[in-house]
Protein backbone atom coordinates (compact mmCIF):
# COMPACT_ATOMS: atom_id res chain seq x y z
CA UNK A 1 105.89 44.42 40.11
CA UNK A 2 104.18 43.11 36.99
CA UNK A 3 103.94 40.07 35.31
CA UNK A 4 106.04 39.33 31.82
CA UNK A 5 105.12 35.93 29.45
CA UNK A 6 107.49 33.65 29.15
CA UNK A 7 107.74 34.73 25.84
CA UNK A 8 108.71 38.56 26.89
CA UNK A 9 111.14 37.02 29.07
CA UNK A 10 112.41 35.04 26.01
CA UNK A 11 112.65 37.82 23.47
CA UNK A 12 114.05 40.48 26.66
CA UNK A 13 116.42 37.89 27.19
CA UNK A 14 118.26 37.29 23.51
CA UNK A 15 117.67 41.86 23.47
CA UNK A 16 120.09 41.87 25.82
CA UNK A 17 122.77 39.00 24.93
CA UNK A 18 122.54 40.79 20.90
CA UNK A 19 123.97 43.88 23.21
CA UNK A 20 126.14 42.05 25.15
CA UNK A 21 127.55 40.45 21.65
CA UNK A 22 128.18 43.50 19.81
CA UNK A 23 130.41 44.79 23.54
CA UNK A 24 132.46 41.36 22.92
CA UNK A 25 134.50 42.51 20.31
CA UNK A 26 134.97 45.72 21.50
CA UNK A 27 136.21 44.28 24.77
CA UNK A 28 138.17 41.60 22.47
CA UNK A 29 139.82 44.73 20.58
CA UNK A 30 140.85 46.49 23.99
CA UNK A 31 142.49 43.67 24.94
CA UNK A 32 140.16 43.30 28.28
CA UNK A 33 140.13 39.30 27.57
CA UNK A 34 139.10 38.96 31.62
CA UNK A 35 136.06 41.22 30.44
CA UNK A 36 135.43 38.82 27.01
CA UNK A 37 134.87 35.88 29.08
CA UNK A 38 132.69 37.37 31.93
CA UNK A 39 130.45 39.35 29.57
CA UNK A 40 130.56 35.76 27.02
CA UNK A 41 128.99 33.74 30.58
CA UNK A 42 126.86 36.88 30.52
CA UNK A 43 125.16 35.80 27.47
CA UNK A 44 125.18 32.49 27.14
CA UNK A 45 122.86 31.96 30.29
CA UNK A 46 120.88 34.70 29.22
CA UNK A 47 120.56 32.90 25.78
CA UNK A 48 119.90 29.86 26.82
CA UNK A 49 117.38 31.17 29.55
CA UNK A 50 115.93 32.56 26.95
CA UNK A 51 115.76 29.90 25.05
CA UNK A 52 114.13 27.82 28.04
CA UNK A 53 111.55 30.54 28.62
CA UNK A 54 110.74 29.81 24.63
CA UNK A 55 109.85 26.50 25.32
CA UNK A 56 108.02 26.94 28.42
CA UNK A 57 110.36 26.37 30.76
CA UNK A 58 110.96 28.64 33.36
CA UNK A 59 115.17 28.00 34.18
CA UNK A 60 116.20 27.54 37.57
CA UNK A 61 117.71 31.15 39.09
CA UNK A 62 121.54 29.78 39.13
CA UNK A 63 124.32 30.89 36.14
CA UNK A 64 125.54 27.68 34.90
CA UNK A 65 122.25 26.30 33.50
CA UNK A 66 123.67 23.38 31.54
CA UNK A 67 123.15 20.03 33.32
CA UNK A 68 119.41 21.20 33.69
CA UNK A 69 119.71 22.79 29.66
CA UNK A 70 120.29 19.25 29.34
CA UNK A 71 117.38 17.12 31.27
CA UNK A 72 115.15 19.88 28.93
CA UNK A 73 116.54 18.52 26.01
CA UNK A 74 112.89 16.69 25.66
CA UNK A 75 110.81 19.70 25.57
CA UNK A 76 113.72 22.31 23.64
CA UNK A 77 113.27 23.57 20.19
CA UNK A 78 114.93 20.56 17.41
CA UNK A 79 118.65 23.03 16.69
CA UNK A 80 118.59 23.58 20.74
CA UNK A 81 118.20 19.59 21.40
CA UNK A 82 120.87 18.99 19.01
CA UNK A 83 123.08 21.42 20.10
CA UNK A 84 121.77 21.01 24.13
CA UNK A 85 124.95 19.06 24.76
CA UNK A 86 127.55 22.45 23.31
CA UNK A 87 125.21 24.73 24.63
CA UNK A 88 126.16 22.74 28.30
CA UNK A 89 129.36 22.12 28.22
CA UNK A 90 129.85 25.74 27.24
CA UNK A 91 128.18 27.01 30.18
CA UNK A 92 130.00 24.96 32.27
CA UNK A 93 132.89 26.26 31.04
CA UNK A 94 131.99 29.56 31.12
CA UNK A 95 129.62 29.25 34.57
CA UNK A 96 133.35 27.49 36.10
CA UNK A 97 134.94 31.37 34.73
CA UNK A 98 132.37 33.74 36.19
CA UNK A 99 134.00 34.75 39.33
CA UNK A 100 137.44 34.67 38.11
CA UNK A 101 137.33 36.32 36.07
CA UNK A 102 135.50 38.70 36.91
CA UNK A 103 136.67 38.70 41.05
CA UNK A 104 139.88 36.90 41.13
CA UNK A 105 141.41 35.44 44.11
CA UNK A 106 145.60 36.21 46.13
CA UNK A 107 147.22 33.96 43.29
CA UNK A 108 145.27 35.17 40.36
CA UNK A 109 144.59 38.06 38.66
CA UNK A 110 141.85 38.20 35.69
CA UNK A 111 142.95 41.25 33.71
CA UNK A 112 146.88 39.50 33.71
CA UNK A 113 145.17 35.54 33.16
CA UNK A 114 143.18 35.23 30.71
CA UNK A 115 144.95 34.54 27.11
CA UNK A 116 144.04 36.16 23.62
CA UNK A 117 143.50 32.47 22.27
CA UNK A 118 140.99 32.37 25.71
CA UNK A 119 139.25 35.29 25.04
CA UNK A 120 138.41 34.68 21.24
CA UNK A 121 136.85 30.89 22.62
CA UNK A 122 135.04 32.87 25.48
CA UNK A 123 133.74 35.25 21.83
CA UNK A 124 132.87 32.52 19.08
CA UNK A 125 130.90 30.32 22.01
CA UNK A 126 128.76 33.25 23.39
CA UNK A 127 128.61 34.23 19.05
CA UNK A 128 127.38 30.44 18.69
CA UNK A 129 124.70 30.13 21.89
CA UNK A 130 123.33 33.74 20.50
CA UNK A 131 122.28 32.67 17.13
CA UNK A 132 121.06 29.80 17.56
CA UNK A 133 118.88 31.43 20.89
CA UNK A 134 117.89 34.08 18.44
CA UNK A 135 117.15 31.08 15.61
CA UNK A 136 114.95 29.92 17.87
CA UNK A 137 113.36 32.81 19.64
CA UNK A 138 113.13 34.88 16.67
CA UNK A 139 112.89 38.25 16.55
CA UNK A 140 110.41 40.44 18.08
């Protein structure tokens, strides 16, 4: 496997996040609320990891990196450092919903368990994380 630079990984992550953002609006329109929540989580994960790569930090190989992101605040670019608490909270919230929104369980059916308001909030949070990451990482 070829080694990628951290900057290349940052650009890859923001590009992948941007593609997910395009899909979120369609999923919301289709009333696929659990899918909005799931994809929003992945988008936020990519955005935060992209910011970390841009800052020269290898992110942990886990889905909810909010706590780690806050711990790295002093090494992040200013806009990300200022928003670290909010981004960590978003990551934590969506991280807690990750499995439920995809798998459900005996008492929870994902396609029936999320409301339009929850999906809209997930979309807003994902848009915030994406825009901040895009501002920090820039275009390639």
